[in-house]
């Protein structure tokens, strides 16, 4: 299963997330052109088999990413934002109100919460070319749409970012809904490119970290919580996807 027809990250290609907008969803109305662009990107750019991820923001506010370690004069402006050995620690967290569960559990039970953050979700989806149903699914499983949630591992906010991961994703306030959604979606974009758009590996890495997958040959680690998390996110993802398709057909 693939999230998007994504290009891989390379310094030589000056891959600009929102500057070039090349991450195109498979089967979108961009059709043949999207397939052609994605194919060219996959053919021309080097593999991300094992790589740290570096980033910098230029004077125009465009965010650049690369898996190639910067050298020489260019090195100073690049910052490592994710390590290939990163293990986020979220896999040890337990959801809910049990003894070892969330320090601050989800308490918002209003039905309105499921649409309260739509503007931010659509903004993040457009900016990082990640499907809206996937962002919704991650938020649903991570925090049940309550931005106040804090896990036993100190992951915080709607998409449950650990403080150091949030900092790497440019998030200043982890409990701010917009910042958290943009940061969490940015992480999904990085992971989607790292795993060639593989939906299952992207979700597993979001929960357990790239280092955990690397230890098991870039496969889903045998952690019970991670595998349960994966099933839950996928269930919600496909449900949201169906609802989105039904709404689109109903509006046409």
C-alpha atoms as a PDB file:
ATOM      1  CA  UNK A   1       0.000   0.000   0.000  1.00  0.00           C
ATOM      2  CA  UNK A   2       1.286   3.455  -0.896  1.00  0.00           C
ATOM      3  CA  UNK A   3       0.331   6.864   0.438  1.00  0.00           C
ATOM      4  CA  UNK A   4       1.466   8.957  -2.493  1.00  0.00           C
ATOM      5  CA  UNK A   5       3.512   8.783  -5.639  1.00  0.00           C
ATOM      6  CA  UNK A   6       6.272  10.605  -3.809  1.00  0.00           C
ATOM      7  CA  UNK A   7       9.670  11.711  -4.972  1.00  0.00           C
ATOM      8  CA  UNK A   8      12.662  10.788  -2.840  1.00  0.00           C
ATOM      9  CA  UNK A   9      14.654  13.517  -1.132  1.00  0.00           C
ATOM     10  CA  UNK A  10      17.950  14.618  -2.678  1.00  0.00           C
ATOM     11  CA  UNK A  11      20.076  17.717  -2.359  1.00  0.00           C
ATOM     12  CA  UNK A  12      20.962  17.653  -6.046  1.00  0.00           C
ATOM     13  CA  UNK A  13      17.286  17.915  -6.980  1.00  0.00           C
ATOM     14  CA  UNK A  14      16.679  20.785  -4.520  1.00  0.00           C
ATOM     15  CA  UNK A  15      13.529  19.039  -3.365  1.00  0.00           C
ATOM     16  CA  UNK A  16      11.164  21.777  -2.115  1.00  0.00           C
ATOM     17  CA  UNK A  17       8.085  20.557  -0.262  1.00  0.00           C
ATOM     18  CA  UNK A  18       5.766  23.442  -0.947  1.00  0.00           C
ATOM     19  CA  UNK A  19       7.884  25.148  -3.557  1.00  0.00           C
ATOM     20  CA  UNK A  20       7.626  22.452  -6.229  1.00  0.00           C
ATOM     21  CA  UNK A  21       4.515  20.578  -5.043  1.00  0.00           C
ATOM     22  CA  UNK A  22       5.689  17.367  -6.690  1.00  0.00           C
ATOM     23  CA  UNK A  23       4.202  14.930  -4.188  1.00  0.00           C
ATOM     24  CA  UNK A  24       1.051  13.933  -6.031  1.00  0.00           C
ATOM     25  CA  UNK A  25      -1.582  11.514  -4.875  1.00  0.00           C
ATOM     26  CA  UNK A  26      -1.977   8.390  -6.992  1.00  0.00           C
ATOM     27  CA  UNK A  27      -5.099   8.358  -9.029  1.00  0.00           C
ATOM     28  CA  UNK A  28      -5.673  12.083  -8.636  1.00  0.00           C
ATOM     29  CA  UNK A  29      -7.174  14.156 -11.384  1.00  0.00           C
ATOM     30  CA  UNK A  30      -3.669  15.277 -12.311  1.00  0.00           C
ATOM     31  CA  UNK A  31      -3.617  11.890 -14.056  1.00  0.00           C
ATOM     32  CA  UNK A  32      -0.916  11.186 -16.595  1.00  0.00           C
ATOM     33  CA  UNK A  33       1.111  14.301 -15.749  1.00  0.00           C
ATOM     34  CA  UNK A  34       1.249  13.323 -12.079  1.00  0.00           C
ATOM     35  CA  UNK A  35       2.393   9.841 -12.968  1.00  0.00           C
ATOM     36  CA  UNK A  36       5.047  11.199 -15.278  1.00  0.00           C
ATOM     37  CA  UNK A  37       6.438  13.611 -12.678  1.00  0.00           C
ATOM     38  CA  UNK A  38       6.458  10.942  -9.994  1.00  0.00           C
ATOM     39  CA  UNK A  39       8.149   8.448 -12.309  1.00  0.00           C
ATOM     40  CA  UNK A  40      10.859  10.950 -13.224  1.00  0.00           C
ATOM     41  CA  UNK A  41      11.448  11.717  -9.566  1.00  0.00           C
ATOM     42  CA  UNK A  42      11.760   8.060  -8.648  1.00  0.00           C
ATOM     43  CA  UNK A  43      14.127   7.333 -11.526  1.00  0.00           C
ATOM     44  CA  UNK A  44      16.374  10.352 -11.104  1.00  0.00           C
ATOM     45  CA  UNK A  45      16.803  10.610  -7.358  1.00  0.00           C
ATOM     46  CA  UNK A  46      18.965   8.428  -5.094  1.00  0.00           C
ATOM     47  CA  UNK A  47      17.624   5.898  -2.612  1.00  0.00           C
ATOM     48  CA  UNK A  48      16.857   6.674   1.021  1.00  0.00           C
ATOM     49  CA  UNK A  49      17.707   3.167   2.211  1.00  0.00           C
ATOM     50  CA  UNK A  50      19.634   4.423   5.240  1.00  0.00           C
ATOM     51  CA  UNK A  51      19.764   8.156   5.781  1.00  0.00           C
ATOM     52  CA  UNK A  52      19.636  11.005   8.230  1.00  0.00           C
ATOM     53  CA  UNK A  53      17.390  13.883   7.176  1.00  0.00           C
ATOM     54  CA  UNK A  54      18.638  17.485   7.005  1.00  0.00           C
ATOM     55  CA  UNK A  55      16.642  20.670   6.487  1.00  0.00           C
ATOM     56  CA  UNK A  56      16.915  24.431   6.145  1.00  0.00           C
ATOM     57  CA  UNK A  57      14.470  27.239   5.354  1.00  0.00           C
ATOM     58  CA  UNK A  58      15.543  29.774   2.738  1.00  0.00           C
ATOM     59  CA  UNK A  59      14.891  33.528   2.624  1.00  0.00           C
ATOM     60  CA  UNK A  60      11.551  32.968   0.834  1.00  0.00           C
ATOM     61  CA  UNK A  61      10.323  30.625   3.548  1.00  0.00           C
ATOM     62  CA  UNK A  62      10.683  27.495   1.405  1.00  0.00           C
ATOM     63  CA  UNK A  63      11.706  24.431   3.391  1.00  0.00           C
ATOM     64  CA  UNK A  64      14.428  22.268   1.826  1.00  0.00           C
ATOM     65  CA  UNK A  65      15.116  18.650   2.801  1.00  0.00           C
ATOM     66  CA  UNK A  66      17.944  16.277   1.892  1.00  0.00           C
ATOM     67  CA  UNK A  67      19.257  12.863   2.868  1.00  0.00           C
ATOM     68  CA  UNK A  68      22.804  13.780   1.728  1.00  0.00           C
ATOM     69  CA  UNK A  69      25.043  15.034   4.542  1.00  0.00           C
ATOM     70  CA  UNK A  70      25.874  18.676   3.641  1.00  0.00           C
ATOM     71  CA  UNK A  71      29.549  19.558   3.225  1.00  0.00           C
ATOM     72  CA  UNK A  72      31.738  22.605   2.717  1.00  0.00           C
ATOM     73  CA  UNK A  73      30.255  26.092   2.764  1.00  0.00           C
ATOM     74  CA  UNK A  74      26.695  24.728   2.524  1.00  0.00           C
ATOM     75  CA  UNK A  75      27.001  22.758   5.783  1.00  0.00           C
ATOM     76  CA  UNK A  76      26.379  25.681   8.151  1.00  0.00           C
ATOM     77  CA  UNK A  77      22.807  26.378   7.050  1.00  0.00           C
ATOM     78  CA  UNK A  78      21.601  22.757   7.170  1.00  0.00           C
ATOM     79  CA  UNK A  79      20.296  21.194  10.373  1.00  0.00           C
ATOM     80  CA  UNK A  80      19.753  17.504  11.033  1.00  0.00           C
ATOM     81  CA  UNK A  81      16.039  17.117  11.781  1.00  0.00           C
ATOM     82  CA  UNK A  82      15.766  13.332  12.008  1.00  0.00           C
ATOM     83  CA  UNK A  83      18.252  10.534  12.494  1.00  0.00           C
ATOM     84  CA  UNK A  84      17.949   7.153  10.842  1.00  0.00           C
ATOM     85  CA  UNK A  85      18.445   5.678  14.320  1.00  0.00           C
ATOM     86  CA  UNK A  86      15.663   7.785  15.872  1.00  0.00           C
ATOM     87  CA  UNK A  87      13.408   5.822  18.182  1.00  0.00           C
ATOM     88  CA  UNK A  88      10.642   8.106  19.391  1.00  0.00           C
ATOM     89  CA  UNK A  89       9.736   6.150  22.516  1.00  0.00           C
ATOM     90  CA  UNK A  90       6.019   6.416  21.843  1.00  0.00           C
ATOM     91  CA  UNK A  91       5.727   2.658  21.413  1.00  0.00           C
ATOM     92  CA  UNK A  92       5.961   2.269  25.205  1.00  0.00           C
ATOM     93  CA  UNK A  93       3.022   4.589  25.863  1.00  0.00           C
ATOM     94  CA  UNK A  94      -0.409   3.230  26.766  1.00  0.00           C
ATOM     95  CA  UNK A  95      -3.542   5.155  25.843  1.00  0.00           C
ATOM     96  CA  UNK A  96      -6.453   5.827  28.140  1.00  0.00           C
ATOM     97  CA  UNK A  97      -6.858   6.230  31.927  1.00  0.00           C
ATOM     98  CA  UNK A  98      -5.051   3.154  33.294  1.00  0.00           C
ATOM     99  CA  UNK A  99      -2.228   3.431  35.861  1.00  0.00           C
ATOM    100  CA  UNK A 100       0.503   3.664  33.189  1.00  0.00           C
ATOM    101  CA  UNK A 101      -1.632   5.467  30.667  1.00  0.00           C
ATOM    102  CA  UNK A 102      -1.844   9.117  29.638  1.00  0.00           C
ATOM    103  CA  UNK A 103      -0.822  11.682  32.223  1.00  0.00           C
ATOM    104  CA  UNK A 104      -3.529  13.915  30.767  1.00  0.00           C
ATOM    105  CA  UNK A 105      -6.108  11.713  28.977  1.00  0.00           C
ATOM    106  CA  UNK A 106      -8.565  12.844  26.309  1.00  0.00           C
ATOM    107  CA  UNK A 107     -11.610  14.409  27.961  1.00  0.00           C
ATOM    108  CA  UNK A 108     -13.273  16.300  25.106  1.00  0.00           C
ATOM    109  CA  UNK A 109     -16.410  14.342  24.220  1.00  0.00           C
ATOM    110  CA  UNK A 110     -18.105  16.915  22.001  1.00  0.00           C
ATOM    111  CA  UNK A 111     -18.999  15.738  18.502  1.00  0.00           C
ATOM    112  CA  UNK A 112     -17.824  19.088  17.169  1.00  0.00           C
ATOM    113  CA  UNK A 113     -14.199  18.193  17.927  1.00  0.00           C
ATOM    114  CA  UNK A 114     -14.050  15.939  14.858  1.00  0.00           C
ATOM    115  CA  UNK A 115     -14.453  18.960  12.554  1.00  0.00           C
ATOM    116  CA  UNK A 116     -13.038  21.685  14.771  1.00  0.00           C
ATOM    117  CA  UNK A 117      -9.555  21.499  13.246  1.00  0.00           C
ATOM    118  CA  UNK A 118     -10.507  20.949   9.603  1.00  0.00           C
ATOM    119  CA  UNK A 119      -8.902  24.180   8.401  1.00  0.00           C
ATOM    120  CA  UNK A 120      -5.538  23.149   9.867  1.00  0.00           C
ATOM    121  CA  UNK A 121      -5.843  19.581   8.577  1.00  0.00           C
ATOM    122  CA  UNK A 122      -6.524  20.768   5.023  1.00  0.00           C
ATOM    123  CA  UNK A 123      -3.722  23.313   5.269  1.00  0.00           C
ATOM    124  CA  UNK A 124      -1.250  20.635   6.364  1.00  0.00           C
ATOM    125  CA  UNK A 125      -2.482  18.157   3.748  1.00  0.00           C
ATOM    126  CA  UNK A 126      -1.976  20.702   0.986  1.00  0.00           C
ATOM    127  CA  UNK A 127       1.393  21.883   2.274  1.00  0.00           C
ATOM    128  CA  UNK A 128       2.933  18.434   2.746  1.00  0.00           C
ATOM    129  CA  UNK A 129       0.868  16.424   0.228  1.00  0.00           C
ATOM    130  CA  UNK A 130      -0.420  13.929   2.763  1.00  0.00           C
ATOM    131  CA  UNK A 131      -3.978  12.549   2.418  1.00  0.00           C
ATOM    132  CA  UNK A 132      -6.529  14.183   4.699  1.00  0.00           C
ATOM    133  CA  UNK A 133      -7.895  10.768   5.832  1.00  0.00           C
ATOM    134  CA  UNK A 134      -4.447   9.773   7.092  1.00  0.00           C
ATOM    135  CA  UNK A 135      -4.023  12.958   9.133  1.00  0.00           C
ATOM    136  CA  UNK A 136      -7.503  12.480  10.570  1.00  0.00           C
ATOM    137  CA  UNK A 137      -6.780   8.854  11.429  1.00  0.00           C
ATOM    138  CA  UNK A 138      -3.536   9.669  13.227  1.00  0.00           C
ATOM    139  CA  UNK A 139      -5.209  12.431  15.244  1.00  0.00           C
ATOM    140  CA  UNK A 140      -8.117  10.130  16.140  1.00  0.00           C
ATOM    141  CA  UNK A 141      -5.851   7.379  17.462  1.00  0.00           C
ATOM    142  CA  UNK A 142      -3.233   9.643  19.041  1.00  0.00           C
ATOM    143  CA  UNK A 143      -5.447  12.049  20.980  1.00  0.00           C
ATOM    144  CA  UNK A 144      -9.088  11.495  20.013  1.00  0.00           C
ATOM    145  CA  UNK A 145      -9.075  15.144  18.872  1.00  0.00           C
ATOM    146  CA  UNK A 146      -8.189  16.591  22.285  1.00  0.00           C
ATOM    147  CA  UNK A 147      -5.156  18.929  22.054  1.00  0.00           C
ATOM    148  CA  UNK A 148      -4.574  18.761  25.830  1.00  0.00           C
ATOM    149  CA  UNK A 149      -3.546  15.086  25.866  1.00  0.00           C
ATOM    150  CA  UNK A 150      -0.139  14.231  27.367  1.00  0.00           C
ATOM    151  CA  UNK A 151       1.081  10.630  27.214  1.00  0.00           C
ATOM    152  CA  UNK A 152       3.104   8.764  29.828  1.00  0.00           C
ATOM    153  CA  UNK A 153       6.117   9.230  27.507  1.00  0.00           C
ATOM    154  CA  UNK A 154       5.490  13.021  27.372  1.00  0.00           C
ATOM    155  CA  UNK A 155       4.126  13.053  23.808  1.00  0.00           C
ATOM    156  CA  UNK A 156       1.764  16.005  23.527  1.00  0.00           C
ATOM    157  CA  UNK A 157      -1.115  17.480  21.572  1.00  0.00           C
ATOM    158  CA  UNK A 158      -3.366  16.331  18.753  1.00  0.00           C
ATOM    159  CA  UNK A 159      -0.723  14.294  16.897  1.00  0.00           C
ATOM    160  CA  UNK A 160       1.225  13.404  20.048  1.00  0.00           C
ATOM    161  CA  UNK A 161       4.659  14.795  19.287  1.00  0.00           C
ATOM    162  CA  UNK A 162       7.475  14.270  21.749  1.00  0.00           C
ATOM    163  CA  UNK A 163       9.100  17.588  22.742  1.00  0.00           C
ATOM    164  CA  UNK A 164      12.368  16.976  20.869  1.00  0.00           C
ATOM    165  CA  UNK A 165      10.526  15.757  17.752  1.00  0.00           C
ATOM    166  CA  UNK A 166       8.242  18.772  17.896  1.00  0.00           C
ATOM    167  CA  UNK A 167      11.272  21.041  18.059  1.00  0.00           C
ATOM    168  CA  UNK A 168      12.790  19.298  15.038  1.00  0.00           C
ATOM    169  CA  UNK A 169       9.519  19.807  13.169  1.00  0.00           C
ATOM    170  CA  UNK A 170       9.479  23.529  13.975  1.00  0.00           C
ATOM    171  CA  UNK A 171       6.708  23.364  16.583  1.00  0.00           C
ATOM    172  CA  UNK A 172       6.960  25.917  19.384  1.00  0.00           C
ATOM    173  CA  UNK A 173       3.768  25.091  21.268  1.00  0.00           C
ATOM    174  CA  UNK A 174       2.871  21.395  21.166  1.00  0.00           C
ATOM    175  CA  UNK A 175      -0.611  22.090  22.490  1.00  0.00           C
ATOM    176  CA  UNK A 176      -1.440  24.617  19.781  1.00  0.00           C
ATOM    177  CA  UNK A 177      -3.687  22.673  17.362  1.00  0.00           C
ATOM    178  CA  UNK A 178      -2.400  24.295  14.169  1.00  0.00           C
ATOM    179  CA  UNK A 179       1.273  24.003  15.082  1.00  0.00           C
ATOM    180  CA  UNK A 180       0.874  20.402  16.215  1.00  0.00           C
ATOM    181  CA  UNK A 181      -0.987  19.334  13.076  1.00  0.00           C
ATOM    182  CA  UNK A 182       1.554  21.024  10.805  1.00  0.00           C
ATOM    183  CA  UNK A 183       4.427  19.452  12.736  1.00  0.00           C
ATOM    184  CA  UNK A 184       2.889  15.991  12.809  1.00  0.00           C
ATOM    185  CA  UNK A 185       2.042  16.116   9.115  1.00  0.00           C
ATOM    186  CA  UNK A 186       5.553  17.308   8.299  1.00  0.00           C
ATOM    187  CA  UNK A 187       6.849  14.228  10.123  1.00  0.00           C
ATOM    188  CA  UNK A 188       4.484  12.004   8.126  1.00  0.00           C
ATOM    189  CA  UNK A 189       5.812  13.597   4.918  1.00  0.00           C
ATOM    190  CA  UNK A 190       9.426  12.889   5.904  1.00  0.00           C
ATOM    191  CA  UNK A 191       8.593   9.300   6.827  1.00  0.00           C
ATOM    192  CA  UNK A 192       6.543   8.783   3.636  1.00  0.00           C
ATOM    193  CA  UNK A 193       9.561   9.782   1.582  1.00  0.00           C
ATOM    194  CA  UNK A 194      11.886   7.713   3.746  1.00  0.00           C
ATOM    195  CA  UNK A 195       9.789   4.581   3.092  1.00  0.00           C
ATOM    196  CA  UNK A 196       8.930   5.286  -0.565  1.00  0.00           C
ATOM    197  CA  UNK A 197       5.324   6.152   0.277  1.00  0.00           C
ATOM    198  CA  UNK A 198       4.640   2.806   1.978  1.00  0.00           C
ATOM    199  CA  UNK A 199       1.552   3.467   4.100  1.00  0.00           C
ATOM    200  CA  UNK A 200       2.156   0.699   6.636  1.00  0.00           C
ATOM    201  CA  UNK A 201       5.819   1.536   7.261  1.00  0.00           C
ATOM    202  CA  UNK A 202       5.056   5.265   7.467  1.00  0.00           C
ATOM    203  CA  UNK A 203       2.455   4.702  10.176  1.00  0.00           C
ATOM    204  CA  UNK A 204       4.648   2.223  12.058  1.00  0.00           C
ATOM    205  CA  UNK A 205       7.604   4.626  11.991  1.00  0.00           C
ATOM    206  CA  UNK A 206       5.405   7.483  13.212  1.00  0.00           C
ATOM    207  CA  UNK A 207       4.679   5.404  16.297  1.00  0.00           C
ATOM    208  CA  UNK A 208       7.920   3.527  16.938  1.00  0.00           C
ATOM    209  CA  UNK A 209      10.574   5.635  15.181  1.00  0.00           C
ATOM    210  CA  UNK A 210      12.820   4.916  12.216  1.00  0.00           C
ATOM    211  CA  UNK A 211      15.424   3.309  14.473  1.00  0.00           C
ATOM    212  CA  UNK A 212      12.959   0.646  15.586  1.00  0.00           C
ATOM    213  CA  UNK A 213      12.125  -0.262  12.003  1.00  0.00           C
ATOM    214  CA  UNK A 214      15.795  -0.261  11.048  1.00  0.00           C
ATOM    215  CA  UNK A 215      16.568  -2.833  13.762  1.00  0.00           C
ATOM    216  CA  UNK A 216      14.153  -5.205  12.039  1.00  0.00           C
ATOM    217  CA  UNK A 217      15.325  -4.686   8.469  1.00  0.00           C
ATOM    218  CA  UNK A 218      12.985  -1.762   7.733  1.00  0.00           C
ATOM    219  CA  UNK A 219       9.957  -3.831   8.646  1.00  0.00           C
ATOM    220  CA  UNK A 220       7.188  -3.292  11.178  1.00  0.00           C
ATOM    221  CA  UNK A 221       8.739  -4.086  14.585  1.00  0.00           C
ATOM    222  CA  UNK A 222       7.172  -6.889  16.627  1.00  0.00           C
ATOM    223  CA  UNK A 223       5.908  -4.507  19.306  1.00  0.00           C
ATOM    224  CA  UNK A 224       2.364  -5.295  20.393  1.00  0.00           C
ATOM    225  CA  UNK A 225       1.451  -1.642  20.907  1.00  0.00           C
ATOM    226  CA  UNK A 226       2.878  -0.583  17.554  1.00  0.00           C
ATOM    227  CA  UNK A 227       1.012  -3.337  15.711  1.00  0.00           C
ATOM    228  CA  UNK A 228      -2.200  -2.481  17.533  1.00  0.00           C
ATOM    229  CA  UNK A 229      -1.645   1.191  16.738  1.00  0.00           C
ATOM    230  CA  UNK A 230      -1.082   0.311  13.088  1.00  0.00           C
ATOM    231  CA  UNK A 231      -4.357  -1.608  12.875  1.00  0.00           C
ATOM    232  CA  UNK A 232      -6.279   1.203  14.551  1.00  0.00           C
ATOM    233  CA  UNK A 233      -4.869   3.935  12.307  1.00  0.00           C
ATOM    234  CA  UNK A 234      -5.499   1.868   9.177  1.00  0.00           C
ATOM    235  CA  UNK A 235      -9.091   1.144  10.240  1.00  0.00           C
ATOM    236  CA  UNK A 236      -9.797   4.847  10.703  1.00  0.00           C
ATOM    237  CA  UNK A 237      -7.876   5.783   7.552  1.00  0.00           C
ATOM    238  CA  UNK A 238      -9.967   3.541   5.316  1.00  0.00           C
ATOM    239  CA  UNK A 239     -13.179   4.678   7.015  1.00  0.00           C
ATOM    240  CA  UNK A 240     -12.322   8.351   6.540  1.00  0.00           C
ATOM    241  CA  UNK A 241     -11.280   7.607   2.973  1.00  0.00           C
ATOM    242  CA  UNK A 242     -14.662   6.004   2.247  1.00  0.00           C
ATOM    243  CA  UNK A 243     -16.493   8.936   3.833  1.00  0.00           C
ATOM    244  CA  UNK A 244     -14.470  11.387   1.763  1.00  0.00           C
ATOM    245  CA  UNK A 245     -15.233   9.493  -1.457  1.00  0.00           C
ATOM    246  CA  UNK A 246     -18.948   9.280  -0.599  1.00  0.00           C
ATOM    247  CA  UNK A 247     -19.070  13.017   0.140  1.00  0.00           C
ATOM    248  CA  UNK A 248     -17.301  13.751  -3.152  1.00  0.00           C
ATOM    249  CA  UNK A 249     -19.765  11.610  -5.113  1.00  0.00           C
ATOM    250  CA  UNK A 250     -22.689  13.195  -3.290  1.00  0.00           C
ATOM    251  CA  UNK A 251     -21.488  16.665  -4.158  1.00  0.00           C
ATOM    252  CA  UNK A 252     -20.923  15.941  -7.842  1.00  0.00           C
END
